[in-house]
Amino acid sequence: MTKSTESVALVSVLGPDRVGLVSAVTGALFEQGVNLRDVSFAALGQGADFSAVCELPDGLTVAALTDSLSALTELDGARLTVTPFTYDPNPGPLGLVTHRIEVSGGDQPGLIARLSEIFTQSTANIVRLEAQTLPGGEDGRYVIRFAVSLPPDRADACLSAVANTAEMLGLTCTVQAG
């Protein structure tokens, strides 16, 4: 049974990265009876970004949830927002991940823009994107991970274009189905 959009909220935290942040937020949500839907977390430099689509139990308001999460010491110095989630929380066909693609090598300006344009031209949807500079080496190693929804009739051409672009730039590209 699907909850109405009035009882679904987006919880977002942007603040300093610290041990226990995810545990504190998800524990507090669990104690309130909140059901987690899509959740993402990333350490961003020395900061952190946590976002979750949450089903609120009957009687729990966005304001009350905001107040309870604001009391967490793990969120000191963080920006917390809790807002009604007005989109359908159920993923549609564009949210189905058909392929996972990793491109890695030296960092280059415009790399994500260039690769994401290939997906756009193939009418592919980027479901998740993660990119980071890994320590080590003189120029560092830049890794981009895409989780995408590729139309079956365009998948081969799209994946070839990504692989060819990576090769032209001296990067490696790996692909996994599903």
N, C-alpha and C. Protein backbone atom coordinates (compact mmCIF):
# COMPACT_ATOMS: atom_id res chain seq x y z
N MET A 1 0.85 -1.18 0.00
CA MET A 1 0.00 0.00 0.00
C MET A 1 0.89 1.24 0.00
N THR A 2 0.60 2.19 -0.86
CA THR A 2 1.39 3.39 -1.00
C THR A 2 0.87 4.49 -0.10
N LYS A 3 1.80 5.18 0.54
CA LYS A 3 1.43 6.32 1.38
C LYS A 3 1.07 7.50 0.49
N SER A 4 0.22 8.38 0.98
CA SER A 4 -0.08 9.60 0.24
C SER A 4 1.13 10.51 0.30
N THR A 5 1.24 11.42 -0.69
CA THR A 5 2.39 12.31 -0.71
C THR A 5 2.42 13.24 0.48
N GLU A 6 1.27 13.45 1.18
CA GLU A 6 1.27 14.30 2.36
C GLU A 6 2.04 13.66 3.51
N SER A 7 2.21 12.36 3.49
CA SER A 7 2.91 11.69 4.58
C SER A 7 4.31 11.24 4.18
N VAL A 8 4.83 11.84 3.13
CA VAL A 8 6.19 11.53 2.68
C VAL A 8 7.00 12.82 2.76
N ALA A 9 8.21 12.71 3.31
CA ALA A 9 9.06 13.88 3.49
C ALA A 9 10.46 13.59 2.97
N LEU A 10 11.16 14.66 2.61
CA LEU A 10 12.56 14.58 2.24
C LEU A 10 13.37 15.14 3.40
N VAL A 11 14.24 14.32 3.95
CA VAL A 11 15.15 14.75 5.01
C VAL A 11 16.52 14.94 4.38
N SER A 12 17.08 16.13 4.54
CA SER A 12 18.41 16.43 3.99
C SER A 12 19.29 17.02 5.07
N VAL A 13 20.52 16.52 5.13
CA VAL A 13 21.51 17.03 6.07
C VAL A 13 22.78 17.33 5.29
N LEU A 14 23.28 18.54 5.43
CA LEU A 14 24.56 18.93 4.84
C LEU A 14 25.38 19.55 5.95
N GLY A 15 26.51 18.93 6.26
CA GLY A 15 27.31 19.44 7.36
C GLY A 15 28.64 18.74 7.43
N PRO A 16 29.33 18.92 8.56
CA PRO A 16 30.63 18.28 8.72
C PRO A 16 30.50 16.76 8.76
N ASP A 17 31.45 16.08 8.11
CA ASP A 17 31.47 14.63 8.16
C ASP A 17 31.99 14.20 9.51
N ARG A 18 31.31 13.24 10.12
CA ARG A 18 31.76 12.71 11.41
C ARG A 18 31.26 11.28 11.57
N VAL A 19 32.01 10.53 12.35
CA VAL A 19 31.63 9.16 12.66
C VAL A 19 30.30 9.17 13.41
N GLY A 20 29.40 8.30 13.01
CA GLY A 20 28.12 8.16 13.69
C GLY A 20 27.00 9.00 13.12
N LEU A 21 27.28 9.81 12.11
CA LEU A 21 26.25 10.69 11.54
C LEU A 21 25.08 9.89 10.97
N VAL A 22 25.37 8.93 10.11
CA VAL A 22 24.30 8.13 9.49
C VAL A 22 23.55 7.35 10.56
N SER A 23 24.28 6.76 11.49
CA SER A 23 23.65 5.99 12.56
C SER A 23 22.71 6.85 13.39
N ALA A 24 23.15 8.05 13.74
CA ALA A 24 22.32 8.94 14.57
C ALA A 24 21.03 9.34 13.84
N VAL A 25 21.16 9.73 12.58
CA VAL A 25 19.99 10.19 11.83
C VAL A 25 19.03 9.03 11.58
N THR A 26 19.54 7.91 11.09
CA THR A 26 18.65 6.79 10.79
C THR A 26 18.05 6.19 12.06
N GLY A 27 18.81 6.20 13.15
CA GLY A 27 18.29 5.72 14.44
C GLY A 27 17.15 6.59 14.94
N ALA A 28 17.33 7.91 14.82
CA ALA A 28 16.27 8.83 15.25
C ALA A 28 15.03 8.68 14.38
N LEU A 29 15.23 8.47 13.10
CA LEU A 29 14.08 8.27 12.21
C LEU A 29 13.35 6.98 12.57
N PHE A 30 14.10 5.92 12.84
CA PHE A 30 13.50 4.64 13.23
C PHE A 30 12.69 4.80 14.52
N GLU A 31 13.26 5.50 15.50
CA GLU A 31 12.56 5.70 16.77
C GLU A 31 11.24 6.45 16.60
N GLN A 32 11.16 7.28 15.56
CA GLN A 32 9.93 8.04 15.29
C GLN A 32 8.92 7.22 14.48
N GLY A 33 9.33 6.00 14.05
CA GLY A 33 8.44 5.17 13.24
C GLY A 33 8.49 5.48 11.76
N VAL A 34 9.53 6.19 11.34
CA VAL A 34 9.68 6.57 9.94
C VAL A 34 10.20 5.38 9.13
N ASN A 35 9.62 5.16 7.96
CA ASN A 35 10.09 4.14 7.04
C ASN A 35 10.95 4.82 5.97
N LEU A 36 12.19 4.34 5.81
CA LEU A 36 13.08 4.92 4.80
C LEU A 36 12.81 4.33 3.44
N ARG A 37 12.75 5.20 2.45
CA ARG A 37 12.64 4.78 1.04
C ARG A 37 14.03 4.94 0.43
N ASP A 38 14.18 5.77 -0.57
CA ASP A 38 15.50 6.00 -1.17
C ASP A 38 16.36 6.83 -0.24
N VAL A 39 17.60 6.38 -0.05
CA VAL A 39 18.54 7.06 0.85
C VAL A 39 19.88 7.17 0.14
N SER A 40 20.54 8.32 0.31
CA SER A 40 21.90 8.45 -0.19
C SER A 40 22.74 9.18 0.86
N PHE A 41 24.01 8.81 0.90
CA PHE A 41 24.96 9.46 1.79
C PHE A 41 26.29 9.55 1.06
N ALA A 42 26.97 10.67 1.24
CA ALA A 42 28.30 10.81 0.67
C ALA A 42 29.12 11.74 1.54
N ALA A 43 30.38 11.33 1.78
CA ALA A 43 31.34 12.25 2.36
C ALA A 43 31.84 13.10 1.19
N LEU A 44 31.79 14.40 1.36
CA LEU A 44 32.20 15.34 0.32
C LEU A 44 33.33 16.18 0.87
N GLY A 45 34.56 15.78 0.60
CA GLY A 45 35.68 16.43 1.25
C GLY A 45 35.55 16.18 2.75
N GLN A 46 35.56 17.22 3.55
CA GLN A 46 35.37 17.07 4.99
C GLN A 46 33.92 17.30 5.40
N GLY A 47 33.06 17.48 4.41
CA GLY A 47 31.64 17.62 4.65
C GLY A 47 30.92 16.32 4.35
N ALA A 48 29.62 16.31 4.58
CA ALA A 48 28.82 15.13 4.31
C ALA A 48 27.43 15.56 3.87
N ASP A 49 26.83 14.72 3.02
CA ASP A 49 25.48 14.97 2.51
C ASP A 49 24.66 13.70 2.70
N PHE A 50 23.57 13.81 3.44
CA PHE A 50 22.64 12.71 3.68
C PHE A 50 21.28 13.16 3.18
N SER A 51 20.62 12.33 2.38
CA SER A 51 19.26 12.63 1.91
C SER A 51 18.45 11.35 1.96
N ALA A 52 17.20 11.47 2.38
CA ALA A 52 16.33 10.31 2.45
C ALA A 52 14.89 10.71 2.18
N VAL A 53 14.22 9.91 1.37
CA VAL A 53 12.78 10.02 1.20
C VAL A 53 12.17 9.14 2.28
N CYS A 54 11.33 9.74 3.12
CA CYS A 54 10.83 9.06 4.32
C CYS A 54 9.31 9.03 4.35
N GLU A 55 8.77 7.84 4.67
CA GLU A 55 7.33 7.72 4.91
C GLU A 55 7.10 8.00 6.39
N LEU A 56 6.29 9.02 6.68
CA LEU A 56 6.01 9.40 8.06
C LEU A 56 4.82 8.60 8.59
N PRO A 57 4.90 8.17 9.83
CA PRO A 57 3.75 7.47 10.40
C PRO A 57 2.62 8.46 10.66
N ASP A 58 1.42 7.95 10.80
CA ASP A 58 0.27 8.80 11.10
C ASP A 58 0.56 9.63 12.35
N GLY A 59 0.27 10.91 12.27
CA GLY A 59 0.42 11.80 13.42
C GLY A 59 1.77 12.50 13.49
N LEU A 60 2.78 12.05 12.76
CA LEU A 60 4.09 12.72 12.78
C LEU A 60 4.11 13.78 11.70
N THR A 61 4.33 15.02 12.11
CA THR A 61 4.37 16.13 11.15
C THR A 61 5.81 16.44 10.76
N VAL A 62 5.94 17.14 9.66
CA VAL A 62 7.26 17.59 9.21
C VAL A 62 7.91 18.47 10.29
N ALA A 63 7.14 19.33 10.91
CA ALA A 63 7.67 20.22 11.95
C ALA A 63 8.17 19.42 13.15
N ALA A 64 7.39 18.43 13.59
CA ALA A 64 7.81 17.62 14.74
C ALA A 64 9.06 16.81 14.41
N LEU A 65 9.14 16.29 13.19
CA LEU A 65 10.33 15.54 12.79
C LEU A 65 11.54 16.46 12.74
N THR A 66 11.37 17.65 12.23
CA THR A 66 12.46 18.63 12.19
C THR A 66 12.96 18.92 13.60
N ASP A 67 12.04 19.15 14.53
CA ASP A 67 12.43 19.44 15.91
C ASP A 67 13.21 18.29 16.53
N SER A 68 12.76 17.07 16.32
CA SER A 68 13.45 15.93 16.94
C SER A 68 14.84 15.72 16.34
N LEU A 69 14.96 15.87 15.02
CA LEU A 69 16.28 15.70 14.40
C LEU A 69 17.23 16.85 14.76
N SER A 70 16.68 18.04 14.93
CA SER A 70 17.51 19.20 15.30
C SER A 70 18.20 19.03 16.64
N ALA A 71 17.65 18.19 17.49
CA ALA A 71 18.22 17.97 18.82
C ALA A 71 19.43 17.02 18.81
N LEU A 72 19.71 16.39 17.69
CA LEU A 72 20.83 15.45 17.62
C LEU A 72 22.16 16.20 17.67
N THR A 73 23.02 15.83 18.60
CA THR A 73 24.34 16.48 18.70
C THR A 73 25.19 16.20 17.47
N GLU A 74 24.95 15.07 16.80
CA GLU A 74 25.71 14.74 15.60
C GLU A 74 25.43 15.71 14.45
N LEU A 75 24.36 16.49 14.58
CA LEU A 75 24.02 17.46 13.55
C LEU A 75 24.48 18.88 13.89
N ASP A 76 25.26 19.03 14.97
CA ASP A 76 25.79 20.35 15.30
C ASP A 76 26.61 20.87 14.11
N GLY A 77 26.31 22.08 13.70
CA GLY A 77 27.02 22.70 12.58
C GLY A 77 26.50 22.28 11.22
N ALA A 78 25.46 21.48 11.17
CA ALA A 78 24.90 21.00 9.90
C ALA A 78 23.65 21.79 9.55
N ARG A 79 23.33 21.79 8.28
CA ARG A 79 22.07 22.37 7.81
C ARG A 79 21.09 21.22 7.60
N LEU A 80 20.03 21.24 8.36
CA LEU A 80 18.98 20.21 8.30
C LEU A 80 17.75 20.81 7.65
N THR A 81 17.20 20.10 6.67
CA THR A 81 15.92 20.51 6.11
C THR A 81 15.03 19.27 6.03
N VAL A 82 13.79 19.45 6.43
CA VAL A 82 12.77 18.41 6.30
C VAL A 82 11.60 19.07 5.60
N THR A 83 11.27 18.59 4.41
CA THR A 83 10.21 19.19 3.62
C THR A 83 9.29 18.10 3.08
N PRO A 84 8.03 18.46 2.83
CA PRO A 84 7.15 17.48 2.19
C PRO A 84 7.74 17.06 0.84
N PHE A 85 7.67 15.78 0.54
CA PHE A 85 8.15 15.25 -0.73
C PHE A 85 6.94 15.15 -1.64
N THR A 86 6.86 16.01 -2.63
CA THR A 86 5.65 16.14 -3.43
C THR A 86 5.67 15.28 -4.70
N TYR A 87 6.73 14.50 -4.89
CA TYR A 87 6.80 13.61 -6.04
C TYR A 87 6.37 12.22 -5.63
N ASP A 88 5.99 11.42 -6.59
CA ASP A 88 5.64 10.03 -6.30
C ASP A 88 6.90 9.33 -5.80
N PRO A 89 6.88 8.74 -4.62
CA PRO A 89 8.08 8.10 -4.09
C PRO A 89 8.39 6.75 -4.74
N ASN A 90 7.48 6.25 -5.56
CA ASN A 90 7.70 4.98 -6.24
C ASN A 90 8.46 5.23 -7.53
N PRO A 91 9.57 4.51 -7.72
CA PRO A 91 10.36 4.75 -8.94
C PRO A 91 9.60 4.32 -10.18
N GLY A 92 9.73 5.12 -11.22
CA GLY A 92 9.15 4.78 -12.51
C GLY A 92 10.16 4.01 -13.33
N PRO A 93 9.85 3.77 -14.60
CA PRO A 93 10.75 2.98 -15.44
C PRO A 93 12.12 3.62 -15.61
N LEU A 94 12.21 4.95 -15.55
CA LEU A 94 13.51 5.62 -15.69
C LEU A 94 14.39 5.44 -14.46
N GLY A 95 13.82 4.92 -13.36
CA GLY A 95 14.59 4.68 -12.15
C GLY A 95 15.16 3.28 -12.06
N LEU A 96 14.90 2.44 -13.08
CA LEU A 96 15.41 1.08 -13.10
C LEU A 96 16.85 1.10 -13.62
N VAL A 97 17.78 0.69 -12.80
CA VAL A 97 19.19 0.68 -13.20
C VAL A 97 19.43 -0.54 -14.09
N THR A 98 19.84 -0.27 -15.32
CA THR A 98 20.14 -1.36 -16.26
C THR A 98 21.64 -1.61 -16.38
N HIS A 99 22.45 -0.58 -16.09
CA HIS A 99 23.91 -0.70 -16.23
C HIS A 99 24.61 0.17 -15.20
N ARG A 100 25.76 -0.32 -14.76
CA ARG A 100 26.65 0.44 -13.88
C ARG A 100 27.96 0.64 -14.65
N ILE A 101 28.38 1.88 -14.75
CA ILE A 101 29.53 2.23 -15.56
C ILE A 101 30.54 2.98 -14.69
N GLU A 102 31.79 2.56 -14.77
CA GLU A 102 32.86 3.26 -14.04
C GLU A 102 33.90 3.72 -15.05
N VAL A 103 34.23 5.00 -14.97
CA VAL A 103 35.27 5.60 -15.80
C VAL A 103 36.31 6.15 -14.85
N SER A 104 37.58 5.79 -15.07
CA SER A 104 38.60 6.25 -14.14
C SER A 104 39.90 6.57 -14.87
N GLY A 105 40.68 7.39 -14.22
CA GLY A 105 41.97 7.83 -14.74
C GLY A 105 42.25 9.22 -14.20
N GLY A 106 43.06 9.96 -14.93
CA GLY A 106 43.38 11.32 -14.52
C GLY A 106 42.18 12.24 -14.69
N ASP A 107 42.05 13.20 -13.79
CA ASP A 107 40.95 14.16 -13.85
C ASP A 107 41.12 15.07 -15.05
N GLN A 108 40.00 15.41 -15.68
CA GLN A 108 40.01 16.31 -16.82
C GLN A 108 38.81 17.23 -16.73
N PRO A 109 39.00 18.53 -17.00
CA PRO A 109 37.87 19.47 -16.94
C PRO A 109 36.76 19.05 -17.91
N GLY A 110 35.52 19.11 -17.44
CA GLY A 110 34.36 18.83 -18.28
C GLY A 110 34.07 17.36 -18.50
N LEU A 111 34.76 16.49 -17.79
CA LEU A 111 34.61 15.05 -18.02
C LEU A 111 33.18 14.57 -17.74
N ILE A 112 32.61 14.95 -16.61
CA ILE A 112 31.24 14.52 -16.30
C ILE A 112 30.26 15.09 -17.31
N ALA A 113 30.44 16.34 -17.69
CA ALA A 113 29.54 16.96 -18.69
C ALA A 113 29.62 16.20 -20.01
N ARG A 114 30.80 15.84 -20.41
CA ARG A 114 31.00 15.14 -21.68
C ARG A 114 30.34 13.76 -21.67
N LEU A 115 30.57 13.01 -20.59
CA LEU A 115 29.99 11.68 -20.50
C LEU A 115 28.47 11.73 -20.33
N SER A 116 27.98 12.66 -19.52
CA SER A 116 26.53 12.72 -19.32
C SER A 116 25.80 13.14 -20.60
N GLU A 117 26.46 13.88 -21.46
CA GLU A 117 25.86 14.25 -22.74
C GLU A 117 25.62 13.01 -23.61
N ILE A 118 26.52 12.04 -23.53
CA ILE A 118 26.34 10.79 -24.27
C ILE A 118 25.05 10.11 -23.81
N PHE A 119 24.82 10.09 -22.50
CA PHE A 119 23.59 9.48 -21.98
C PHE A 119 22.36 10.24 -22.47
N THR A 120 22.43 11.55 -22.47
CA THR A 120 21.31 12.37 -22.95
C THR A 120 21.00 12.06 -24.41
N GLN A 121 22.03 11.98 -25.23
CA GLN A 121 21.83 11.68 -26.66
C GLN A 121 21.23 10.30 -26.87
N SER A 122 21.43 9.40 -25.93
CA SER A 122 20.89 8.04 -26.02
C SER A 122 19.57 7.90 -25.29
N THR A 123 19.00 9.01 -24.84
CA THR A 123 17.79 9.05 -24.01
C THR A 123 17.89 8.10 -22.81
N ALA A 124 19.08 8.05 -22.24
CA ALA A 124 19.33 7.26 -21.03
C ALA A 124 19.20 8.17 -19.82
N ASN A 125 18.71 7.62 -18.73
CA ASN A 125 18.56 8.39 -17.50
C ASN A 125 19.66 8.02 -16.51
N ILE A 126 20.32 9.03 -15.97
CA ILE A 126 21.30 8.80 -14.91
C ILE A 126 20.52 8.67 -13.61
N VAL A 127 20.56 7.49 -13.00
CA VAL A 127 19.83 7.22 -11.76
C VAL A 127 20.68 7.61 -10.56
N ARG A 128 21.96 7.30 -10.60
CA ARG A 128 22.91 7.67 -9.54
C ARG A 128 24.21 8.10 -10.19
N LEU A 129 24.88 9.03 -9.57
CA LEU A 129 26.18 9.50 -10.04
C LEU A 129 27.06 9.74 -8.83
N GLU A 130 28.27 9.23 -8.90
CA GLU A 130 29.26 9.46 -7.85
C GLU A 130 30.59 9.73 -8.53
N ALA A 131 31.28 10.74 -8.11
CA ALA A 131 32.60 11.05 -8.65
C ALA A 131 33.49 11.52 -7.51
N GLN A 132 34.75 11.08 -7.55
CA GLN A 132 35.66 11.51 -6.51
C GLN A 132 37.12 11.38 -6.96
N THR A 133 37.95 12.21 -6.36
CA THR A 133 39.37 12.11 -6.55
C THR A 133 39.93 11.21 -5.47
N LEU A 134 40.64 10.17 -5.88
CA LEU A 134 41.23 9.25 -4.92
C LEU A 134 42.68 9.64 -4.68
N PRO A 135 43.14 9.52 -3.45
CA PRO A 135 44.54 9.88 -3.17
C PRO A 135 45.50 8.91 -3.83
N GLY A 136 46.71 9.39 -4.06
CA GLY A 136 47.74 8.54 -4.64
C GLY A 136 48.12 9.01 -6.02
N GLY A 137 49.37 8.83 -6.34
CA GLY A 137 49.87 9.25 -7.63
C GLY A 137 50.03 10.76 -7.69
N GLU A 138 50.78 11.21 -8.68
CA GLU A 138 51.04 12.65 -8.80
C GLU A 138 49.82 13.43 -9.24
N ASP A 139 49.08 12.89 -10.21
CA ASP A 139 47.92 13.62 -10.71
C ASP A 139 46.62 13.14 -10.08
N GLY A 140 46.70 12.19 -9.14
CA GLY A 140 45.50 11.67 -8.50
C GLY A 140 44.73 10.79 -9.48
N ARG A 141 43.83 10.04 -8.97
CA ARG A 141 42.98 9.18 -9.80
C ARG A 141 41.55 9.64 -9.60
N TYR A 142 40.89 9.96 -10.68
CA TYR A 142 39.52 10.43 -10.64
C TYR A 142 38.62 9.27 -11.07
N VAL A 143 37.59 8.99 -10.29
CA VAL A 143 36.68 7.89 -10.58
C VAL A 143 35.26 8.42 -10.65
N ILE A 144 34.57 8.06 -11.73
CA ILE A 144 33.17 8.43 -11.90
C ILE A 144 32.38 7.14 -12.03
N ARG A 145 31.32 7.03 -11.24
CA ARG A 145 30.45 5.86 -11.30
C ARG A 145 29.03 6.32 -11.64
N PHE A 146 28.52 5.78 -12.72
CA PHE A 146 27.16 6.06 -13.15
C PHE A 146 26.32 4.81 -12.98
N ALA A 147 25.13 4.95 -12.44
CA ALA A 147 24.11 3.91 -12.49
C ALA A 147 23.04 4.49 -13.41
N VAL A 148 22.80 3.84 -14.54
CA VAL A 148 21.95 4.42 -15.57
C VAL A 148 20.83 3.47 -15.99
N SER A 149 19.80 4.07 -16.54
CA SER A 149 18.70 3.33 -17.15
C SER A 149 18.79 3.57 -18.65
N LEU A 150 19.23 2.52 -19.35
CA LEU A 150 19.43 2.63 -20.80
C LEU A 150 18.28 1.97 -21.55
N PRO A 151 17.72 2.64 -22.55
CA PRO A 151 16.72 1.98 -23.39
C PRO A 151 17.39 0.79 -24.10
N PRO A 152 16.74 -0.37 -24.11
CA PRO A 152 17.37 -1.56 -24.69
C PRO A 152 17.84 -1.38 -26.14
N ASP A 153 17.08 -0.63 -26.92
CA ASP A 153 17.45 -0.47 -28.33
C ASP A 153 18.62 0.50 -28.54
N ARG A 154 19.03 1.21 -27.50
CA ARG A 154 20.14 2.16 -27.62
C ARG A 154 21.33 1.82 -26.72
N ALA A 155 21.19 0.77 -25.95
CA ALA A 155 22.21 0.43 -24.95
C ALA A 155 23.57 0.18 -25.57
N ASP A 156 23.64 -0.66 -26.58
CA ASP A 156 24.94 -1.00 -27.17
C ASP A 156 25.64 0.24 -27.73
N ALA A 157 24.90 1.06 -28.47
CA ALA A 157 25.50 2.27 -29.05
C ALA A 157 25.97 3.24 -27.96
N CYS A 158 25.17 3.39 -26.92
CA CYS A 158 25.53 4.29 -25.83
C CYS A 158 26.78 3.81 -25.11
N LEU A 159 26.81 2.53 -24.77
CA LEU A 159 27.96 1.98 -24.06
C LEU A 159 29.22 2.05 -24.90
N SER A 160 29.09 1.84 -26.20
CA SER A 160 30.25 1.98 -27.10
C SER A 160 30.75 3.41 -27.13
N ALA A 161 29.83 4.37 -27.17
CA ALA A 161 30.22 5.78 -27.20
C ALA A 161 30.94 6.18 -25.91
N VAL A 162 30.45 5.70 -24.77
CA VAL A 162 31.12 5.99 -23.49
C VAL A 162 32.52 5.37 -23.47
N ALA A 163 32.62 4.10 -23.87
CA ALA A 163 33.91 3.43 -23.88
C ALA A 163 34.89 4.10 -24.84
N ASN A 164 34.41 4.48 -26.03
CA ASN A 164 35.28 5.15 -27.01
C ASN A 164 35.75 6.51 -26.50
N THR A 165 34.86 7.25 -25.87
CA THR A 165 35.23 8.56 -25.32
C THR A 165 36.27 8.39 -24.22
N ALA A 166 36.05 7.42 -23.34
CA ALA A 166 37.03 7.16 -22.28
C ALA A 166 38.38 6.80 -22.86
N GLU A 167 38.38 5.93 -23.86
CA GLU A 167 39.64 5.52 -24.48
C GLU A 167 40.36 6.70 -25.13
N MET A 168 39.62 7.55 -25.84
CA MET A 168 40.23 8.73 -26.48
C MET A 168 40.87 9.65 -25.45
N LEU A 169 40.33 9.66 -24.23
CA LEU A 169 40.84 10.54 -23.17
C LEU A 169 41.89 9.84 -22.31
N GLY A 170 42.24 8.60 -22.65
CA GLY A 170 43.23 7.86 -21.88
C GLY A 170 42.71 7.34 -20.55
N LEU A 171 41.42 7.09 -20.50
CA LEU A 171 40.77 6.61 -19.27
C LEU A 171 40.33 5.16 -19.45
N THR A 172 40.08 4.50 -18.33
CA THR A 172 39.55 3.14 -18.40
C THR A 172 38.04 3.18 -18.15
N CYS A 173 37.35 2.23 -18.74
CA CYS A 173 35.90 2.16 -18.61
C CYS A 173 35.51 0.71 -18.38
N THR A 174 34.69 0.49 -17.34
CA THR A 174 34.14 -0.84 -17.09
C THR A 174 32.62 -0.72 -17.02
N VAL A 175 31.94 -1.77 -17.46
CA VAL A 175 30.48 -1.77 -17.51
C VAL A 175 29.98 -3.07 -16.90
N GLN A 176 28.94 -2.95 -16.09
CA GLN A 176 28.23 -4.11 -15.54
C GLN A 176 26.75 -3.95 -15.87
N ALA A 177 26.14 -5.02 -16.33
CA ALA A 177 24.70 -4.99 -16.54
C ALA A 177 23.99 -5.07 -15.19
N GLY A 178 22.84 -4.39 -15.11
CA GLY A 178 22.02 -4.44 -13.90
C GLY A 178 22.61 -3.73 -12.83
